[in-house]
Protein backbone atom coordinates (compact mmCIF):
# COMPACT_ATOMS: atom_id res chain seq x y z
CA TRP A 1 -20.63 4.23 11.37
CA HIS A 2 -20.18 0.56 11.90
CA ILE A 3 -22.35 -0.42 8.99
CA ASP A 4 -20.49 -3.72 8.61
CA TYR A 5 -22.01 -4.95 11.87
CA LEU A 6 -25.47 -4.09 10.57
CA ARG A 7 -24.76 -5.80 7.24
CA LYS A 8 -23.62 -8.96 9.03
CA ALA A 9 -26.69 -8.94 11.25
CA GLN A 10 -28.97 -8.48 8.25
CA SER A 11 -27.27 -11.24 6.27
CA THR A 12 -27.61 -13.56 9.27
CA ALA A 13 -31.30 -12.66 9.51
CA ALA A 14 -31.82 -13.17 5.77
CA ARG A 15 -30.07 -16.53 5.97
CA TRP A 16 -32.28 -17.53 8.91
CA ILE A 17 -35.48 -16.33 7.19
CA THR A 18 -34.74 -18.10 3.91
CA GLY A 19 -33.01 -21.17 5.32
CA ALA A 20 -30.18 -20.62 2.83
CA PHE A 21 -26.64 -21.94 3.10
CA ARG A 22 -23.83 -19.77 4.39
CA THR A 23 -22.32 -19.52 0.91
CA SER A 24 -25.52 -18.18 -0.67
CA PRO A 25 -25.27 -14.66 -2.15
CA ILE A 26 -26.54 -12.04 0.28
CA GLY A 27 -28.30 -9.98 -2.41
CA GLY A 28 -30.42 -12.93 -3.46
CA MET A 29 -31.31 -13.78 0.12
CA GLU A 30 -32.36 -10.17 0.77
CA VAL A 31 -34.66 -10.27 -2.25
CA LEU A 32 -36.21 -13.59 -1.19
CA ALA A 33 -36.65 -12.35 2.39
CA ALA A 34 -38.07 -8.99 1.16
CA LEU A 35 -35.36 -7.05 3.03
CA PRO A 36 -34.04 -3.81 1.54
CA PRO A 37 -30.26 -3.35 1.51
CA ILE A 38 -29.19 -1.97 4.89
CA ARG A 39 -27.65 1.15 3.31
CA LEU A 40 -30.98 2.11 1.72
CA HIS A 41 -32.84 1.42 4.95
CA ILE A 42 -30.45 3.69 6.89
CA GLU A 43 -30.83 6.43 4.27
CA LYS A 44 -34.62 6.19 4.60
CA LEU A 45 -34.39 6.47 8.40
CA VAL A 46 -32.08 9.49 8.16
CA SER A 47 -34.41 11.17 5.70
CA ARG A 48 -37.46 10.56 7.91
CA THR A 49 -35.59 11.87 10.95
CA GLY A 50 -34.65 15.03 9.08
CA LEU A 51 -38.20 15.62 7.95
CA ARG A 52 -39.45 15.03 11.48
CA ALA A 53 -36.88 17.46 12.89
CA ASN A 54 -38.00 20.09 10.39
CA THR A 55 -41.55 19.92 11.71
CA LEU A 56 -40.49 20.78 15.27
CA MET A 57 -41.10 24.25 16.62
CA ALA A 58 -38.01 26.48 16.59
CA SER A 59 -38.01 26.55 20.40
CA HIS A 60 -38.06 22.75 20.79
CA PRO A 61 -35.27 21.47 23.11
CA ILE A 62 -34.21 18.73 20.68
CA LEU A 63 -33.17 21.36 18.13
CA ALA A 64 -30.66 22.74 20.65
CA ALA A 65 -28.82 19.38 20.57
CA LEU A 66 -28.66 19.14 16.75
CA PRO A 67 -25.86 20.57 14.57
CA ASN A 68 -26.49 23.77 12.61
CA PRO A 69 -27.77 22.27 9.30
CA TRP A 70 -30.74 20.87 11.23
CA ILE A 71 -31.59 24.04 13.12
CA CYS A 72 -32.83 26.34 10.34
CA ASN A 73 -36.21 24.52 10.37
CA HIS A 74 -36.95 25.67 6.81
CA LEU A 75 -35.12 23.03 4.78
CA ALA A 76 -36.78 21.62 1.69
CA PRO A 77 -37.71 17.90 1.87
CA ASP A 78 -35.16 17.03 -0.84
CA VAL A 79 -32.18 18.36 1.15
CA ALA A 80 -29.60 15.68 1.97
CA PHE A 81 -29.06 15.47 5.70
CA PRO A 82 -25.64 14.81 7.25
CA MET A 83 -24.84 11.12 7.71
CA GLY A 84 -21.56 9.46 8.57
CA THR A 85 -20.59 6.75 6.10
CA GLY A 86 -17.36 5.36 7.31
């Protein structure tokens, strides 16, 4: 993952939304701009994608392209799905 690029883009957007100076703390700008931290947003997207994949029929062609942890199609909603973090 190149999460640093996403963090920089979000901090630029938060700075633009709030009109803050470049030296303003990013956390405060995110709160004022009502933006969740990018890491939490990515985790939410991964979780939603996993839940959506679990609702596909077992014969769906997308499941053929996914790694084995996604294929069983009977995972509980609280299962952590694989996500690169580096």
